[in-house]
Amino acid sequence: MATVIVISVEGEDGLWVADLTAGTVVPLPLPKSGGLKVVTDLRATGSTVTKGVNLAVTVKSVEAALSGHYDG
């Protein structure tokens, strides 16, 4: 099972890498080539790209997520 996720948030610049095993989230430099560059370019045009993710929502805070709320 994959334990690393590349994420971005609508309205925010940049990419992030979440390592679920290590429990870390760090900035990812914008790719200059390859498949990730292609999807990053699509994202810049307003597209949403998902693969292997079955739930992704934004929340205002950790407390909101822990209480079962999300911005939907």
PDB file of N, CA and C in Angstrom:
ATOM      1  N   MET A   1       0.845  -1.174   0.000  1.00  0.00           N
ATOM      2  CA  MET A   1       0.000   0.000   0.000  1.00  0.00           C
ATOM      3  C   MET A   1       0.897   1.246   0.000  1.00  0.00           C
ATOM      4  N   ALA A   2       0.486   2.242  -0.762  1.00  0.00           N
ATOM      5  CA  ALA A   2       1.233   3.504  -0.805  1.00  0.00           C
ATOM      6  C   ALA A   2       1.108   4.214   0.538  1.00  0.00           C
ATOM      7  N   THR A   3       2.219   4.792   0.971  1.00  0.00           N
ATOM      8  CA  THR A   3       2.181   5.533   2.231  1.00  0.00           C
ATOM      9  C   THR A   3       2.644   6.972   2.055  1.00  0.00           C
ATOM     10  N   VAL A   4       2.810   7.397   0.805  1.00  0.00           N
ATOM     11  CA  VAL A   4       3.218   8.771   0.516  1.00  0.00           C
ATOM     12  C   VAL A   4       2.190   9.379  -0.428  1.00  0.00           C
ATOM     13  N   ILE A   5       1.749  10.597  -0.121  1.00  0.00           N
ATOM     14  CA  ILE A   5       0.729  11.267  -0.917  1.00  0.00           C
ATOM     15  C   ILE A   5       1.232  12.654  -1.288  1.00  0.00           C
ATOM     16  N   VAL A   6       1.120  13.018  -2.557  1.00  0.00           N
ATOM     17  CA  VAL A   6       1.419  14.375  -3.012  1.00  0.00           C
ATOM     18  C   VAL A   6       0.090  15.121  -3.019  1.00  0.00           C
ATOM     19  N   ILE A   7       0.040  16.264  -2.330  1.00  0.00           N
ATOM     20  CA  ILE A   7      -1.221  17.001  -2.210  1.00  0.00           C
ATOM     21  C   ILE A   7      -1.020  18.480  -2.507  1.00  0.00           C
ATOM     22  N   SER A   8      -2.117  19.106  -2.869  1.00  0.00           N
ATOM     23  CA  SER A   8      -2.171  20.556  -3.012  1.00  0.00           C
ATOM     24  C   SER A   8      -3.572  20.985  -2.609  1.00  0.00           C
ATOM     25  N   VAL A   9      -3.725  22.255  -2.309  1.00  0.00           N
ATOM     26  CA  VAL A   9      -5.011  22.791  -1.876  1.00  0.00           C
ATOM     27  C   VAL A   9      -5.427  23.894  -2.832  1.00  0.00           C
ATOM     28  N   GLU A  10      -6.669  23.813  -3.284  1.00  0.00           N
ATOM     29  CA  GLU A  10      -7.202  24.822  -4.195  1.00  0.00           C
ATOM     30  C   GLU A  10      -7.023  26.215  -3.593  1.00  0.00           C
ATOM     31  N   GLY A  11      -6.512  27.129  -4.406  1.00  0.00           N
ATOM     32  CA  GLY A  11      -6.300  28.501  -3.955  1.00  0.00           C
ATOM     33  C   GLY A  11      -4.954  28.743  -3.299  1.00  0.00           C
ATOM     34  N   GLU A  12      -4.187  27.695  -3.096  1.00  0.00           N
ATOM     35  CA  GLU A  12      -2.864  27.802  -2.493  1.00  0.00           C
ATOM     36  C   GLU A  12      -1.811  27.406  -3.518  1.00  0.00           C
ATOM     37  N   ASP A  13      -0.666  28.027  -3.456  1.00  0.00           N
ATOM     38  CA  ASP A  13       0.442  27.648  -4.323  1.00  0.00           C
ATOM     39  C   ASP A  13       1.193  26.476  -3.714  1.00  0.00           C
ATOM     40  N   GLY A  14       1.833  25.713  -4.561  1.00  0.00           N
ATOM     41  CA  GLY A  14       2.757  24.700  -4.074  1.00  0.00           C
ATOM     42  C   GLY A  14       2.155  23.329  -3.888  1.00  0.00           C
ATOM     43  N   LEU A  15       3.064  22.382  -3.741  1.00  0.00           N
ATOM     44  CA  LEU A  15       2.739  20.982  -3.509  1.00  0.00           C
ATOM     45  C   LEU A  15       3.320  20.553  -2.172  1.00  0.00           C
ATOM     46  N   TRP A  16       2.735  19.524  -1.600  1.00  0.00           N
ATOM     47  CA  TRP A  16       3.190  18.978  -0.335  1.00  0.00           C
ATOM     48  C   TRP A  16       3.300  17.467  -0.453  1.00  0.00           C
ATOM     49  N   VAL A  17       4.209  16.884   0.290  1.00  0.00           N
ATOM     50  CA  VAL A  17       4.343  15.435   0.365  1.00  0.00           C
ATOM     51  C   VAL A  17       4.024  15.016   1.796  1.00  0.00           C
ATOM     52  N   ALA A  18       3.010  14.164   1.919  1.00  0.00           N
ATOM     53  CA  ALA A  18       2.650  13.611   3.225  1.00  0.00           C
ATOM     54  C   ALA A  18       3.152  12.174   3.281  1.00  0.00           C
ATOM     55  N   ASP A  19       4.031  11.894   4.220  1.00  0.00           N
ATOM     56  CA  ASP A  19       4.539  10.536   4.439  1.00  0.00           C
ATOM     57  C   ASP A  19       3.777   9.964   5.628  1.00  0.00           C
ATOM     58  N   LEU A  20       2.831   9.077   5.349  1.00  0.00           N
ATOM     59  CA  LEU A  20       1.962   8.562   6.402  1.00  0.00           C
ATOM     60  C   LEU A  20       2.714   7.689   7.398  1.00  0.00           C
ATOM     61  N   THR A  21       3.729   6.990   6.934  1.00  0.00           N
ATOM     62  CA  THR A  21       4.511   6.148   7.836  1.00  0.00           C
ATOM     63  C   THR A  21       5.326   6.993   8.810  1.00  0.00           C
ATOM     64  N   ALA A  22       5.967   8.030   8.283  1.00  0.00           N
ATOM     65  CA  ALA A  22       6.798   8.894   9.125  1.00  0.00           C
ATOM     66  C   ALA A  22       5.973   9.923   9.894  1.00  0.00           C
ATOM     67  N   GLY A  23       4.731  10.169   9.429  1.00  0.00           N
ATOM     68  CA  GLY A  23       3.895  11.178  10.085  1.00  0.00           C
ATOM     69  C   GLY A  23       4.358  12.593   9.794  1.00  0.00           C
ATOM     70  N   THR A  24       4.854  12.816   8.573  1.00  0.00           N
ATOM     71  CA  THR A  24       5.378  14.128   8.214  1.00  0.00           C
ATOM     72  C   THR A  24       4.688  14.683   6.974  1.00  0.00           C
ATOM     73  N   VAL A  25       4.690  15.999   6.883  1.00  0.00           N
ATOM     74  CA  VAL A  25       4.233  16.705   5.682  1.00  0.00           C
ATOM     75  C   VAL A  25       5.257  17.793   5.405  1.00  0.00           C
ATOM     76  N   VAL A  26       5.824  17.763   4.198  1.00  0.00           N
ATOM     77  CA  VAL A  26       6.866  18.730   3.845  1.00  0.00           C
ATOM     78  C   VAL A  26       6.589  19.300   2.459  1.00  0.00           C
ATOM     79  N   PRO A  27       7.061  20.534   2.202  1.00  0.00           N
ATOM     80  CA  PRO A  27       6.888  21.107   0.867  1.00  0.00           C
ATOM     81  C   PRO A  27       7.645  20.297  -0.178  1.00  0.00           C
ATOM     82  N   LEU A  28       7.075  20.229  -1.386  1.00  0.00           N
ATOM     83  CA  LEU A  28       7.708  19.547  -2.510  1.00  0.00           C
ATOM     84  C   LEU A  28       8.042  20.592  -3.564  1.00  0.00           C
ATOM     85  N   PRO A  29       9.287  20.670  -3.980  1.00  0.00           N
ATOM     86  CA  PRO A  29       9.616  21.620  -5.056  1.00  0.00           C
ATOM     87  C   PRO A  29       8.774  21.314  -6.293  1.00  0.00           C
ATOM     88  N   LEU A  30       8.365  22.362  -7.005  1.00  0.00           N
ATOM     89  CA  LEU A  30       7.590  22.152  -8.217  1.00  0.00           C
ATOM     90  C   LEU A  30       8.405  21.357  -9.218  1.00  0.00           C
ATOM     91  N   PRO A  31       7.818  20.297  -9.790  1.00  0.00           N
ATOM     92  CA  PRO A  31       8.560  19.464 -10.736  1.00  0.00           C
ATOM     93  C   PRO A  31       8.839  20.202 -12.039  1.00  0.00           C
ATOM     94  N   LYS A  32       9.980  19.916 -12.630  1.00  0.00           N
ATOM     95  CA  LYS A  32      10.376  20.552 -13.883  1.00  0.00           C
ATOM     96  C   LYS A  32      10.122  19.660 -15.084  1.00  0.00           C
ATOM     97  N   SER A  33       9.860  18.357 -14.847  1.00  0.00           N
ATOM     98  CA  SER A  33       9.597  17.425 -15.943  1.00  0.00           C
ATOM     99  C   SER A  33       8.888  16.202 -15.377  1.00  0.00           C
ATOM    100  N   GLY A  34       8.443  15.328 -16.291  1.00  0.00           N
ATOM    101  CA  GLY A  34       7.840  14.065 -15.885  1.00  0.00           C
ATOM    102  C   GLY A  34       6.341  14.151 -15.655  1.00  0.00           C
ATOM    103  N   GLY A  35       5.791  13.029 -15.212  1.00  0.00           N
ATOM    104  CA  GLY A  35       4.352  12.921 -14.998  1.00  0.00           C
ATOM    105  C   GLY A  35       3.804  13.884 -13.974  1.00  0.00           C
ATOM    106  N   LEU A  36       4.553  14.124 -12.906  1.00  0.00           N
ATOM    107  CA  LEU A  36       4.073  15.055 -11.886  1.00  0.00           C
ATOM    108  C   LEU A  36       4.023  16.479 -12.420  1.00  0.00           C
ATOM    109  N   LYS A  37       4.915  16.831 -13.324  1.00  0.00           N
ATOM    110  CA  LYS A  37       4.887  18.143 -13.977  1.00  0.00           C
ATOM    111  C   LYS A  37       3.609  18.285 -14.804  1.00  0.00           C
ATOM    112  N   VAL A  38       3.233  17.215 -15.514  1.00  0.00           N
ATOM    113  CA  VAL A  38       2.026  17.237 -16.335  1.00  0.00           C
ATOM    114  C   VAL A  38       0.796  17.505 -15.470  1.00  0.00           C
ATOM    115  N   VAL A  39       0.650  16.784 -14.362  1.00  0.00           N
ATOM    116  CA  VAL A  39      -0.543  16.994 -13.532  1.00  0.00           C
ATOM    117  C   VAL A  39      -0.488  18.319 -12.790  1.00  0.00           C
ATOM    118  N   THR A  40       0.711  18.795 -12.475  1.00  0.00           N
ATOM    119  CA  THR A  40       0.843  20.118 -11.862  1.00  0.00           C
ATOM    120  C   THR A  40       0.393  21.199 -12.833  1.00  0.00           C
ATOM    121  N   ASP A  41       0.737  21.047 -14.105  1.00  0.00           N
ATOM    122  CA  ASP A  41       0.281  21.993 -15.124  1.00  0.00           C
ATOM    123  C   ASP A  41      -1.239  21.939 -15.274  1.00  0.00           C
ATOM    124  N   LEU A  42      -1.822  20.744 -15.226  1.00  0.00           N
ATOM    125  CA  LEU A  42      -3.276  20.620 -15.277  1.00  0.00           C
ATOM    126  C   LEU A  42      -3.922  21.320 -14.090  1.00  0.00           C
ATOM    127  N   ARG A  43      -3.343  21.140 -12.908  1.00  0.00           N
ATOM    128  CA  ARG A  43      -3.850  21.785 -11.694  1.00  0.00           C
ATOM    129  C   ARG A  43      -3.866  23.301 -11.861  1.00  0.00           C
ATOM    130  N   ALA A  44      -2.849  23.841 -12.501  1.00  0.00           N
ATOM    131  CA  ALA A  44      -2.746  25.288 -12.700  1.00  0.00           C
ATOM    132  C   ALA A  44      -3.872  25.825 -13.577  1.00  0.00           C
ATOM    133  N   THR A  45      -4.484  24.960 -14.388  1.00  0.00           N
ATOM    134  CA  THR A  45      -5.590  25.390 -15.245  1.00  0.00           C
ATOM    135  C   THR A  45      -6.951  25.181 -14.587  1.00  0.00           C
ATOM    136  N   GLY A  46      -6.938  24.708 -13.344  1.00  0.00           N
ATOM    137  CA  GLY A  46      -8.188  24.511 -12.618  1.00  0.00           C
ATOM    138  C   GLY A  46      -8.658  23.073 -12.548  1.00  0.00           C
ATOM    139  N   SER A  47      -7.905  22.163 -13.128  1.00  0.00           N
ATOM    140  CA  SER A  47      -8.280  20.748 -13.096  1.00  0.00           C
ATOM    141  C   SER A  47      -7.993  20.146 -11.728  1.00  0.00           C
ATOM    142  N   THR A  48      -8.780  19.136 -11.392  1.00  0.00           N
ATOM    143  CA  THR A  48      -8.529  18.348 -10.199  1.00  0.00           C
ATOM    144  C   THR A  48      -8.063  16.978 -10.646  1.00  0.00           C
ATOM    145  N   VAL A  49      -6.949  16.532 -10.121  1.00  0.00           N
ATOM    146  CA  VAL A  49      -6.369  15.244 -10.510  1.00  0.00           C
ATOM    147  C   VAL A  49      -6.299  14.370  -9.267  1.00  0.00           C
ATOM    148  N   THR A  50      -6.887  13.179  -9.362  1.00  0.00           N
ATOM    149  CA  THR A  50      -6.811  12.226  -8.248  1.00  0.00           C
ATOM    150  C   THR A  50      -6.441  10.851  -8.788  1.00  0.00           C
ATOM    151  N   LYS A  51      -5.694  10.133  -8.009  1.00  0.00           N
ATOM    152  CA  LYS A  51      -5.372   8.742  -8.341  1.00  0.00           C
ATOM    153  C   LYS A  51      -5.059   8.019  -7.035  1.00  0.00           C
ATOM    154  N   GLY A  52      -5.819   7.003  -6.758  1.00  0.00           N
ATOM    155  CA  GLY A  52      -5.567   6.205  -5.567  1.00  0.00           C
ATOM    156  C   GLY A  52      -6.019   6.845  -4.266  1.00  0.00           C
ATOM    157  N   VAL A  53      -6.821   7.894  -4.358  1.00  0.00           N
ATOM    158  CA  VAL A  53      -7.330   8.573  -3.168  1.00  0.00           C
ATOM    159  C   VAL A  53      -8.842   8.387  -3.144  1.00  0.00           C
ATOM    160  N   ASN A  54      -9.397   7.931  -2.023  1.00  0.00           N
ATOM    161  CA  ASN A  54     -10.838   7.755  -1.987  1.00  0.00           C
ATOM    162  C   ASN A  54     -11.542   8.723  -1.052  1.00  0.00           C
ATOM    163  N   LEU A  55     -10.788   9.617  -0.406  1.00  0.00           N
ATOM    164  CA  LEU A  55     -11.382  10.676   0.403  1.00  0.00           C
ATOM    165  C   LEU A  55     -10.377  11.801   0.554  1.00  0.00           C
ATOM    166  N   ALA A  56     -10.805  12.995   0.238  1.00  0.00           N
ATOM    167  CA  ALA A  56      -9.983  14.182   0.458  1.00  0.00           C
ATOM    168  C   ALA A  56     -10.937  15.362   0.637  1.00  0.00           C
ATOM    169  N   VAL A  57     -10.885  15.989   1.780  1.00  0.00           N
ATOM    170  CA  VAL A  57     -11.723  17.157   2.059  1.00  0.00           C
ATOM    171  C   VAL A  57     -10.883  18.201   2.780  1.00  0.00           C
ATOM    172  N   THR A  58     -11.286  19.455   2.669  1.00  0.00           N
ATOM    173  CA  THR A  58     -10.608  20.498   3.432  1.00  0.00           C
ATOM    174  C   THR A  58     -11.404  20.802   4.692  1.00  0.00           C
ATOM    175  N   VAL A  59     -10.696  21.173   5.724  1.00  0.00           N
ATOM    176  CA  VAL A  59     -11.316  21.584   6.986  1.00  0.00           C
ATOM    177  C   VAL A  59     -10.601  22.825   7.485  1.00  0.00           C
ATOM    178  N   LYS A  60     -11.288  23.585   8.316  1.00  0.00           N
ATOM    179  CA  LYS A  60     -10.706  24.823   8.834  1.00  0.00           C
ATOM    180  C   LYS A  60      -9.653  24.586   9.906  1.00  0.00           C
ATOM    181  N   SER A  61      -9.752  23.452  10.602  1.00  0.00           N
ATOM    182  CA  SER A  61      -8.806  23.189  11.693  1.00  0.00           C
ATOM    183  C   SER A  61      -8.786  21.704  12.020  1.00  0.00           C
ATOM    184  N   VAL A  62      -7.779  21.295  12.761  1.00  0.00           N
ATOM    185  CA  VAL A  62      -7.703  19.920  13.239  1.00  0.00           C
ATOM    186  C   VAL A  62      -8.897  19.615  14.137  1.00  0.00           C
ATOM    187  N   GLU A  63      -9.267  20.581  14.954  1.00  0.00           N
ATOM    188  CA  GLU A  63     -10.396  20.386  15.864  1.00  0.00           C
ATOM    189  C   GLU A  63     -11.679  20.090  15.090  1.00  0.00           C
ATOM    190  N   ALA A  64     -11.888  20.801  13.978  1.00  0.00           N
ATOM    191  CA  ALA A  64     -13.082  20.565  13.165  1.00  0.00           C
ATOM    192  C   ALA A  64     -13.066  19.147  12.609  1.00  0.00           C
ATOM    193  N   ALA A  65     -11.916  18.697  12.118  1.00  0.00           N
ATOM    194  CA  ALA A  65     -11.819  17.337  11.580  1.00  0.00           C
ATOM    195  C   ALA A  65     -12.077  16.306  12.661  1.00  0.00           C
ATOM    196  N   LEU A  66     -11.481  16.501  13.833  1.00  0.00           N
ATOM    197  CA  LEU A  66     -11.648  15.548  14.923  1.00  0.00           C
ATOM    198  C   LEU A  66     -13.076  15.481  15.435  1.00  0.00           C
ATOM    199  N   SER A  67     -13.828  16.577  15.237  1.00  0.00           N
ATOM    200  CA  SER A  67     -15.227  16.566  15.694  1.00  0.00           C
ATOM    201  C   SER A  67     -16.177  16.100  14.593  1.00  0.00           C
ATOM    202  N   GLY A  68     -15.633  15.721  13.437  1.00  0.00           N
ATOM    203  CA  GLY A  68     -16.448  15.175  12.366  1.00  0.00           C
ATOM    204  C   GLY A  68     -16.980  16.177  11.380  1.00  0.00           C
ATOM    205  N   HIS A  69     -16.529  17.433  11.427  1.00  0.00           N
ATOM    206  CA  HIS A  69     -16.984  18.462  10.503  1.00  0.00           C
ATOM    207  C   HIS A  69     -15.991  18.648   9.379  1.00  0.00           C
ATOM    208  N   TYR A  70     -16.505  19.046   8.216  1.00  0.00           N
ATOM    209  CA  TYR A  70     -15.649  19.435   7.104  1.00  0.00           C
ATOM    210  C   TYR A  70     -16.359  20.477   6.275  1.00  0.00           C
ATOM    211  N   ASP A  71     -15.595  21.216   5.491  1.00  0.00           N
ATOM    212  CA  ASP A  71     -16.156  22.261   4.636  1.00  0.00           C
ATOM    213  C   ASP A  71     -16.667  21.617   3.371  1.00  0.00           C
ATOM    214  N   GLY A  72     -17.955  21.338   3.297  1.00  0.00           N
ATOM    215  CA  GLY A  72     -18.482  20.623   2.147  1.00  0.00           C
ATOM    216  C   GLY A  72     -19.559  21.282   1.489  1.00  0.00           C
TER     217      GLY A  72
END
